[in-house]
PDB file of N, CA and C in Angstrom:
ATOM      1  N   UNK A   1       2.204   9.280  15.328  1.00  0.00           N
ATOM      2  CA  UNK A   1       2.845   8.118  14.600  1.00  0.00           C
ATOM      3  C   UNK A   1       3.771   8.519  13.650  1.00  0.00           C
ATOM      4  N   UNK A   2       4.987   7.998  13.405  1.00  0.00           N
ATOM      5  CA  UNK A   2       5.919   8.255  12.401  1.00  0.00           C
ATOM      6  C   UNK A   2       5.471   7.498  11.225  1.00  0.00           C
ATOM      7  N   UNK A   3       5.246   8.263  10.091  1.00  0.00           N
ATOM      8  CA  UNK A   3       4.866   7.679   8.858  1.00  0.00           C
ATOM      9  C   UNK A   3       6.068   7.370   8.025  1.00  0.00           C
ATOM     10  N   UNK A   4       6.896   8.455   7.829  1.00  0.00           N
ATOM     11  CA  UNK A   4       8.128   8.278   7.048  1.00  0.00           C
ATOM     12  C   UNK A   4       9.253   8.204   7.986  1.00  0.00           C
ATOM     13  N   UNK A   5       9.763   7.052   8.041  1.00  0.00           N
ATOM     14  CA  UNK A   5      10.908   6.773   8.907  1.00  0.00           C
ATOM     15  C   UNK A   5      12.203   7.466   8.294  1.00  0.00           C
ATOM     16  N   UNK A   6      12.413   7.422   6.946  1.00  0.00           N
ATOM     17  CA  UNK A   6      13.543   8.069   6.372  1.00  0.00           C
ATOM     18  C   UNK A   6      13.717   9.521   6.712  1.00  0.00           C
ATOM     19  N   UNK A   7      12.684  10.236   6.600  1.00  0.00           N
ATOM     20  CA  UNK A   7      12.501  11.645   6.967  1.00  0.00           C
ATOM     21  C   UNK A   7      11.994  12.026   8.200  1.00  0.00           C
ATOM     22  N   UNK A   8      11.687  11.071   9.042  1.00  0.00           N
ATOM     23  CA  UNK A   8      11.046  11.336  10.393  1.00  0.00           C
ATOM     24  C   UNK A   8       9.868  12.142  10.325  1.00  0.00           C
ATOM     25  N   UNK A   9       8.887  11.956   9.614  1.00  0.00           N
ATOM     26  CA  UNK A   9       7.712  12.773   9.425  1.00  0.00           C
ATOM     27  C   UNK A   9       6.545  12.074  10.051  1.00  0.00           C
ATOM     28  N   UNK A  10       5.780  12.801  10.841  1.00  0.00           N
ATOM     29  CA  UNK A  10       4.689  11.997  11.627  1.00  0.00           C
ATOM     30  C   UNK A  10       3.195  12.350  10.814  1.00  0.00           C
ATOM     31  N   UNK A  11       2.287  11.587  11.117  1.00  0.00           N
ATOM     32  CA  UNK A  11       1.004  11.748  10.561  1.00  0.00           C
ATOM     33  C   UNK A  11       0.458  13.044  10.928  1.00  0.00           C
ATOM     34  N   UNK A  12       0.678  13.508  12.065  1.00  0.00           N
ATOM     35  CA  UNK A  12       0.265  14.841  12.575  1.00  0.00           C
ATOM     36  C   UNK A  12       0.768  15.940  11.665  1.00  0.00           C
ATOM     37  N   UNK A  13       2.023  15.807  11.305  1.00  0.00           N
ATOM     38  CA  UNK A  13       2.738  16.846  10.485  1.00  0.00           C
ATOM     39  C   UNK A  13       2.079  16.872   9.093  1.00  0.00           C
ATOM     40  N   UNK A  14       1.880  15.769   8.537  1.00  0.00           N
ATOM     41  CA  UNK A  14       1.362  15.666   7.296  1.00  0.00           C
ATOM     42  C   UNK A  14      -0.035  16.228   7.293  1.00  0.00           C
ATOM     43  N   UNK A  15      -0.865  15.869   8.205  1.00  0.00           N
ATOM     44  CA  UNK A  15      -2.288  16.362   8.430  1.00  0.00           C
ATOM     45  C   UNK A  15      -2.166  17.951   8.532  1.00  0.00           C
ATOM     46  N   UNK A  16      -1.330  18.436   9.214  1.00  0.00           N
ATOM     47  CA  UNK A  16      -1.302  19.939   9.438  1.00  0.00           C
ATOM     48  C   UNK A  16      -1.024  20.597   8.100  1.00  0.00           C
ATOM     49  N   UNK A  17      -0.150  20.035   7.258  1.00  0.00           N
ATOM     50  CA  UNK A  17       0.145  20.671   6.041  1.00  0.00           C
ATOM     51  C   UNK A  17      -1.062  20.557   5.062  1.00  0.00           C
ATOM     52  N   UNK A  18      -1.718  19.400   5.085  1.00  0.00           N
ATOM     53  CA  UNK A  18      -2.902  19.120   4.178  1.00  0.00           C
ATOM     54  C   UNK A  18      -4.033  20.062   4.626  1.00  0.00           C
ATOM     55  N   UNK A  19      -4.222  20.208   5.906  1.00  0.00           N
ATOM     56  CA  UNK A  19      -5.345  21.157   6.444  1.00  0.00           C
ATOM     57  C   UNK A  19      -4.977  22.582   6.060  1.00  0.00           C
ATOM     58  N   UNK A  20      -3.667  22.828   5.833  1.00  0.00           N
ATOM     59  CA  UNK A  20      -3.315  24.200   5.351  1.00  0.00           C
ATOM     60  C   UNK A  20      -3.661  24.390   3.801  1.00  0.00           C
ATOM     61  N   UNK A  21      -4.004  23.262   3.283  1.00  0.00           N
ATOM     62  CA  UNK A  21      -4.394  23.478   1.717  1.00  0.00           C
ATOM     63  C   UNK A  21      -3.426  22.771   0.838  1.00  0.00           C
ATOM     64  N   UNK A  22      -2.448  21.990   1.343  1.00  0.00           N
ATOM     65  CA  UNK A  22      -1.471  21.434   0.379  1.00  0.00           C
ATOM     66  C   UNK A  22      -1.951  20.030  -0.162  1.00  0.00           C
ATOM     67  N   UNK A  23      -1.484  19.777  -1.284  1.00  0.00           N
ATOM     68  CA  UNK A  23      -1.762  18.483  -2.007  1.00  0.00           C
ATOM     69  C   UNK A  23      -0.745  17.548  -1.642  1.00  0.00           C
ATOM     70  N   UNK A  24      -0.908  16.275  -1.984  1.00  0.00           N
ATOM     71  CA  UNK A  24       0.185  15.217  -1.715  1.00  0.00           C
ATOM     72  C   UNK A  24       1.528  15.631  -2.238  1.00  0.00           C
ATOM     73  N   UNK A  25       1.421  16.124  -3.542  1.00  0.00           N
ATOM     74  CA  UNK A  25       2.712  16.503  -4.179  1.00  0.00           C
ATOM     75  C   UNK A  25       3.415  17.666  -3.492  1.00  0.00           C
ATOM     76  N   UNK A  26       2.643  18.512  -2.900  1.00  0.00           N
ATOM     77  CA  UNK A  26       3.149  19.738  -2.213  1.00  0.00           C
ATOM     78  C   UNK A  26       3.831  19.187  -0.816  1.00  0.00           C
ATOM     79  N   UNK A  27       2.988  18.355  -0.179  1.00  0.00           N
ATOM     80  CA  UNK A  27       3.476  17.730   1.148  1.00  0.00           C
ATOM     81  C   UNK A  27       4.761  17.028   0.822  1.00  0.00           C
ATOM     82  N   UNK A  28       4.778  16.259  -0.259  1.00  0.00           N
ATOM     83  CA  UNK A  28       5.993  15.458  -0.567  1.00  0.00           C
ATOM     84  C   UNK A  28       7.208  16.358  -0.789  1.00  0.00           C
ATOM     85  N   UNK A  29       7.066  17.445  -1.516  1.00  0.00           N
ATOM     86  CA  UNK A  29       8.089  18.362  -1.836  1.00  0.00           C
ATOM     87  C   UNK A  29       8.563  19.064  -0.482  1.00  0.00           C
ATOM     88  N   UNK A  30       7.614  19.540   0.249  1.00  0.00           N
ATOM     89  CA  UNK A  30       7.874  20.106   1.528  1.00  0.00           C
ATOM     90  C   UNK A  30       8.588  19.353   2.586  1.00  0.00           C
ATOM     91  N   UNK A  31       7.979  18.111   2.841  1.00  0.00           N
ATOM     92  CA  UNK A  31       8.443  17.299   3.930  1.00  0.00           C
ATOM     93  C   UNK A  31       9.517  16.188   3.649  1.00  0.00           C
ATOM     94  N   UNK A  32       9.423  15.921   2.312  1.00  0.00           N
ATOM     95  CA  UNK A  32      10.249  14.861   1.707  1.00  0.00           C
ATOM     96  C   UNK A  32       9.720  13.475   2.000  1.00  0.00           C
ATOM     97  N   UNK A  33       8.429  13.418   2.268  1.00  0.00           N
ATOM     98  CA  UNK A  33       7.705  12.070   2.393  1.00  0.00           C
ATOM     99  C   UNK A  33       7.751  11.300   1.118  1.00  0.00           C
ATOM    100  N   UNK A  34       8.054  10.015   1.175  1.00  0.00           N
ATOM    101  CA  UNK A  34       8.059   9.103   0.098  1.00  0.00           C
ATOM    102  C   UNK A  34       9.051   9.468  -0.939  1.00  0.00           C
ATOM    103  N   UNK A  35      10.088  10.031  -0.627  1.00  0.00           N
ATOM    104  CA  UNK A  35      11.155  10.446  -1.571  1.00  0.00           C
ATOM    105  C   UNK A  35      12.437   9.576  -1.438  1.00  0.00           C
ATOM    106  N   UNK A  36      12.350   8.656  -0.501  1.00  0.00           N
ATOM    107  CA  UNK A  36      13.659   7.795  -0.300  1.00  0.00           C
ATOM    108  C   UNK A  36      13.270   6.437  -0.637  1.00  0.00           C
ATOM    109  N   UNK A  37      12.916   5.655   0.339  1.00  0.00           N
ATOM    110  CA  UNK A  37      12.659   4.200   0.133  1.00  0.00           C
ATOM    111  C   UNK A  37      11.309   3.981  -0.446  1.00  0.00           C
ATOM    112  N   UNK A  38      10.215   4.952  -0.308  1.00  0.00           N
ATOM    113  CA  UNK A  38       8.965   4.786  -0.791  1.00  0.00           C
ATOM    114  C   UNK A  38       7.969   4.056  -0.071  1.00  0.00           C
ATOM    115  N   UNK A  39       8.354   3.402   1.089  1.00  0.00           N
ATOM    116  CA  UNK A  39       7.579   2.426   1.827  1.00  0.00           C
ATOM    117  C   UNK A  39       6.338   3.273   2.559  1.00  0.00           C
ATOM    118  N   UNK A  40       6.432   4.528   2.659  1.00  0.00           N
ATOM    119  CA  UNK A  40       5.437   5.338   3.447  1.00  0.00           C
ATOM    120  C   UNK A  40       4.434   5.916   2.472  1.00  0.00           C
ATOM    121  N   UNK A  41       4.550   5.777   1.106  1.00  0.00           N
ATOM    122  CA  UNK A  41       3.773   6.706   0.189  1.00  0.00           C
ATOM    123  C   UNK A  41       2.213   6.186   0.319  1.00  0.00           C
ATOM    124  N   UNK A  42       1.918   4.853   0.525  1.00  0.00           N
ATOM    125  CA  UNK A  42       0.546   4.595   0.638  1.00  0.00           C
ATOM    126  C   UNK A  42      -0.124   5.153   1.861  1.00  0.00           C
ATOM    127  N   UNK A  43       0.575   5.057   2.936  1.00  0.00           N
ATOM    128  CA  UNK A  43       0.011   5.522   4.191  1.00  0.00           C
ATOM    129  C   UNK A  43      -0.096   7.068   4.185  1.00  0.00           C
ATOM    130  N   UNK A  44       0.932   7.798   3.669  1.00  0.00           N
ATOM    131  CA  UNK A  44       1.038   9.192   3.471  1.00  0.00           C
ATOM    132  C   UNK A  44      -0.130   9.694   2.573  1.00  0.00           C
ATOM    133  N   UNK A  45      -0.461   9.006   1.505  1.00  0.00           N
ATOM    134  CA  UNK A  45      -1.498   9.374   0.575  1.00  0.00           C
ATOM    135  C   UNK A  45      -2.841   9.125   1.303  1.00  0.00           C
ATOM    136  N   UNK A  46      -2.993   8.143   2.046  1.00  0.00           N
ATOM    137  CA  UNK A  46      -4.178   7.878   2.898  1.00  0.00           C
ATOM    138  C   UNK A  46      -4.506   9.022   3.757  1.00  0.00           C
ATOM    139  N   UNK A  47      -3.497   9.463   4.533  1.00  0.00           N
ATOM    140  CA  UNK A  47      -3.593  10.605   5.397  1.00  0.00           C
ATOM    141  C   UNK A  47      -4.062  11.849   4.610  1.00  0.00           C
ATOM    142  N   UNK A  48      -3.391  12.107   3.533  1.00  0.00           N
ATOM    143  CA  UNK A  48      -3.773  13.270   2.677  1.00  0.00           C
ATOM    144  C   UNK A  48      -5.146  13.162   2.331  1.00  0.00           C
ATOM    145  N   UNK A  49      -5.622  12.081   1.763  1.00  0.00           N
ATOM    146  CA  UNK A  49      -7.069  11.808   1.402  1.00  0.00           C
ATOM    147  C   UNK A  49      -8.073  12.075   2.522  1.00  0.00           C
ATOM    148  N   UNK A  50      -7.704  11.573   3.787  1.00  0.00           N
ATOM    149  CA  UNK A  50      -8.657  11.678   4.787  1.00  0.00           C
ATOM    150  C   UNK A  50      -8.744  12.998   5.256  1.00  0.00           C
ATOM    151  N   UNK A  51      -7.553  13.828   5.378  1.00  0.00           N
ATOM    152  CA  UNK A  51      -7.596  15.169   5.808  1.00  0.00           C
ATOM    153  C   UNK A  51      -8.255  16.070   4.772  1.00  0.00           C
ATOM    154  N   UNK A  52      -8.016  15.767   3.513  1.00  0.00           N
ATOM    155  CA  UNK A  52      -8.637  16.598   2.480  1.00  0.00           C
ATOM    156  C   UNK A  52     -10.145  16.556   2.480  1.00  0.00           C
ATOM    157  N   UNK A  53     -10.605  15.307   2.682  1.00  0.00           N
ATOM    158  CA  UNK A  53     -12.033  15.088   2.752  1.00  0.00           C
ATOM    159  C   UNK A  53     -12.709  15.705   3.927  1.00  0.00           C
ATOM    160  N   UNK A  54     -12.053  15.740   5.129  1.00  0.00           N
ATOM    161  CA  UNK A  54     -12.616  16.205   6.368  1.00  0.00           C
ATOM    162  C   UNK A  54     -12.371  17.540   6.534  1.00  0.00           C
ATOM    163  N   UNK A  55     -11.549  18.200   5.919  1.00  0.00           N
ATOM    164  CA  UNK A  55     -11.239  19.643   6.183  1.00  0.00           C
ATOM    165  C   UNK A  55     -11.038  20.431   4.849  1.00  0.00           C
ATOM    166  N   UNK A  56     -12.116  21.093   4.417  1.00  0.00           N
ATOM    167  CA  UNK A  56     -12.066  21.891   3.162  1.00  0.00           C
ATOM    168  C   UNK A  56     -10.899  23.066   3.433  1.00  0.00           C
ATOM    169  N   UNK A  57     -10.371  23.336   2.301  1.00  0.00           N
ATOM    170  CA  UNK A  57      -9.250  24.383   2.424  1.00  0.00           C
ATOM    171  C   UNK A  57      -9.598  25.764   3.094  1.00  0.00           C
ATOM    172  N   UNK A  58     -10.717  26.266   2.834  1.00  0.00           N
ATOM    173  CA  UNK A  58     -11.034  27.554   3.229  1.00  0.00           C
ATOM    174  C   UNK A  58     -11.782  27.627   4.566  1.00  0.00           C
ATOM    175  N   UNK A  59     -11.950  26.439   5.263  1.00  0.00           N
ATOM    176  CA  UNK A  59     -12.682  26.312   6.563  1.00  0.00           C
ATOM    177  C   UNK A  59     -12.065  27.271   7.552  1.00  0.00           C
ATOM    178  N   UNK A  60     -12.858  27.751   8.370  1.00  0.00           N
ATOM    179  CA  UNK A  60     -12.447  28.562   9.468  1.00  0.00           C
ATOM    180  C   UNK A  60     -12.303  27.891  10.727  1.00  0.00           C
ATOM    181  N   UNK A  61     -11.158  27.961  11.357  1.00  0.00           N
ATOM    182  CA  UNK A  61     -10.946  27.270  12.616  1.00  0.00           C
ATOM    183  C   UNK A  61     -11.685  28.207  13.787  1.00  0.00           C
ATOM    184  N   UNK A  62     -12.728  27.447  14.242  1.00  0.00           N
ATOM    185  CA  UNK A  62     -13.623  28.311  15.201  1.00  0.00           C
ATOM    186  C   UNK A  62     -12.890  28.622  16.581  1.00  0.00           C
ATOM    187  N   UNK A  63     -11.913  27.812  16.933  1.00  0.00           N
ATOM    188  CA  UNK A  63     -11.231  28.090  18.133  1.00  0.00           C
ATOM    189  C   UNK A  63     -10.270  29.360  18.009  1.00  0.00           C
ATOM    190  N   UNK A  64      -9.570  29.358  16.970  1.00  0.00           N
ATOM    191  CA  UNK A  64      -8.618  30.393  16.887  1.00  0.00           C
ATOM    192  C   UNK A  64      -9.082  31.597  15.919  1.00  0.00           C
ATOM    193  N   UNK A  65     -10.138  31.267  15.097  1.00  0.00           N
ATOM    194  CA  UNK A  65     -10.577  32.303  14.286  1.00  0.00           C
ATOM    195  C   UNK A  65      -9.681  32.532  12.995  1.00  0.00           C
ATOM    196  N   UNK A  66      -8.932  31.637  12.647  1.00  0.00           N
ATOM    197  CA  UNK A  66      -7.981  31.764  11.550  1.00  0.00           C
ATOM    198  C   UNK A  66      -8.480  30.692  10.399  1.00  0.00           C
ATOM    199  N   UNK A  67      -8.232  30.994   9.395  1.00  0.00           N
ATOM    200  CA  UNK A  67      -8.580  30.074   8.152  1.00  0.00           C
ATOM    201  C   UNK A  67      -7.440  29.317   7.768  1.00  0.00           C
ATOM    202  N   UNK A  68      -7.734  28.238   7.057  1.00  0.00           N
ATOM    203  CA  UNK A  68      -6.601  27.386   6.678  1.00  0.00           C
ATOM    204  C   UNK A  68      -5.732  28.090   5.613  1.00  0.00           C
ATOM    205  N   UNK A  69      -6.283  29.084   4.930  1.00  0.00           N
ATOM    206  CA  UNK A  69      -5.398  29.840   3.912  1.00  0.00           C
ATOM    207  C   UNK A  69      -4.395  30.648   4.806  1.00  0.00           C
ATOM    208  N   UNK A  70      -4.763  31.203   5.968  1.00  0.00           N
ATOM    209  CA  UNK A  70      -3.830  32.032   6.768  1.00  0.00           C
ATOM    210  C   UNK A  70      -2.777  30.969   7.323  1.00  0.00           C
ATOM    211  N   UNK A  71      -3.128  29.761   7.667  1.00  0.00           N
ATOM    212  CA  UNK A  71      -2.298  28.741   8.160  1.00  0.00           C
ATOM    213  C   UNK A  71      -1.273  28.433   7.027  1.00  0.00           C
ATOM    214  N   UNK A  72      -1.672  28.203   5.797  1.00  0.00           N
ATOM    215  CA  UNK A  72      -0.868  27.912   4.704  1.00  0.00           C
ATOM    216  C   UNK A  72       0.110  28.950   4.430  1.00  0.00           C
ATOM    217  N   UNK A  73      -0.234  30.174   4.577  1.00  0.00           N
ATOM    218  CA  UNK A  73       0.632  31.356   4.484  1.00  0.00           C
ATOM    219  C   UNK A  73       1.636  31.208   5.499  1.00  0.00           C
ATOM    220  N   UNK A  74       1.309  31.027   6.759  1.00  0.00           N
ATOM    221  CA  UNK A  74       2.251  30.936   7.843  1.00  0.00           C
ATOM    222  C   UNK A  74       3.298  29.777   7.687  1.00  0.00           C
ATOM    223  N   UNK A  75       2.765  28.703   7.201  1.00  0.00           N
ATOM    224  CA  UNK A  75       3.675  27.570   6.965  1.00  0.00           C
ATOM    225  C   UNK A  75       4.601  27.908   5.887  1.00  0.00           C
ATOM    226  N   UNK A  76       4.226  28.563   4.737  1.00  0.00           N
ATOM    227  CA  UNK A  76       5.069  28.776   3.630  1.00  0.00           C
ATOM    228  C   UNK A  76       6.080  29.881   3.980  1.00  0.00           C
ATOM    229  N   UNK A  77       5.756  30.680   5.001  1.00  0.00           N
ATOM    230  CA  UNK A  77       6.635  31.780   5.336  1.00  0.00           C
ATOM    231  C   UNK A  77       7.612  31.331   6.564  1.00  0.00           C
ATOM    232  N   UNK A  78       7.378  30.225   7.077  1.00  0.00           N
ATOM    233  CA  UNK A  78       8.206  29.751   8.222  1.00  0.00           C
ATOM    234  C   UNK A  78       9.541  29.496   7.750  1.00  0.00           C
ATOM    235  N   UNK A  79      10.516  29.523   8.773  1.00  0.00           N
ATOM    236  CA  UNK A  79      11.895  29.222   8.579  1.00  0.00           C
ATOM    237  C   UNK A  79      12.074  27.691   8.079  1.00  0.00           C
ATOM    238  N   UNK A  80      11.191  26.843   8.621  1.00  0.00           N
ATOM    239  CA  UNK A  80      11.366  25.426   8.277  1.00  0.00           C
ATOM    240  C   UNK A  80      11.028  25.230   6.716  1.00  0.00           C
ATOM    241  N   UNK A  81      10.083  25.959   6.248  1.00  0.00           N
ATOM    242  CA  UNK A  81       9.794  25.848   4.842  1.00  0.00           C
ATOM    243  C   UNK A  81      10.952  26.331   4.046  1.00  0.00           C
ATOM    244  N   UNK A  82      11.458  27.439   4.398  1.00  0.00           N
ATOM    245  CA  UNK A  82      12.485  28.107   3.570  1.00  0.00           C
ATOM    246  C   UNK A  82      13.696  27.263   3.720  1.00  0.00           C
ATOM    247  N   UNK A  83      14.058  26.612   4.850  1.00  0.00           N
ATOM    248  CA  UNK A  83      15.230  25.937   4.947  1.00  0.00           C
ATOM    249  C   UNK A  83      15.162  24.482   4.216  1.00  0.00           C
ATOM    250  N   UNK A  84      13.908  23.984   4.280  1.00  0.00           N
ATOM    251  CA  UNK A  84      13.769  22.814   3.419  1.00  0.00           C
ATOM    252  C   UNK A  84      13.847  23.020   1.875  1.00  0.00           C
ATOM    253  N   UNK A  85      13.323  24.176   1.500  1.00  0.00           N
ATOM    254  CA  UNK A  85      13.387  24.447   0.109  1.00  0.00           C
ATOM    255  C   UNK A  85      14.810  24.722  -0.331  1.00  0.00           C
ATOM    256  N   UNK A  86      15.650  25.296   0.530  1.00  0.00           N
ATOM    257  CA  UNK A  86      17.032  25.410   0.116  1.00  0.00           C
ATOM    258  C   UNK A  86      17.781  24.135   0.117  1.00  0.00           C
ATOM    259  N   UNK A  87      17.606  23.244   1.045  1.00  0.00           N
ATOM    260  CA  UNK A  87      18.217  21.982   1.250  1.00  0.00           C
ATOM    261  C   UNK A  87      17.826  21.019  -0.002  1.00  0.00           C
ATOM    262  N   UNK A  88      16.468  21.191  -0.448  1.00  0.00           N
ATOM    263  CA  UNK A  88      16.136  20.334  -1.475  1.00  0.00           C
ATOM    264  C   UNK A  88      16.898  20.829  -2.794  1.00  0.00           C
ATOM    265  N   UNK A  89      17.219  22.022  -2.953  1.00  0.00           N
ATOM    266  CA  UNK A  89      17.883  22.475  -4.138  1.00  0.00           C
ATOM    267  C   UNK A  89      19.345  22.183  -4.118  1.00  0.00           C
ATOM    268  N   UNK A  90      19.925  21.873  -2.991  1.00  0.00           N
ATOM    269  CA  UNK A  90      21.401  21.572  -2.847  1.00  0.00           C
ATOM    270  C   UNK A  90      21.752  20.199  -3.463  1.00  0.00           C
TER     271      UNK A  90
END
């Protein structure tokens, strides 16, 4: 489901970042959620709260054998992260 229409951000994308250990503020900076019209902020915060409570940061993913910390590292090193960081500075 699309949570942020302005930035076209889905609930799954928010959840993936939160499970990687990001806070709402970090998700907001990274994805641009709730930075334009603000209508999605309540829903985005709810998703962050639900995912934070159900998935501790250092939990091990049993299927892949990777930890959330490894996923956070891969997200922060990805091209998408780097390009959004540069576009936010522009």
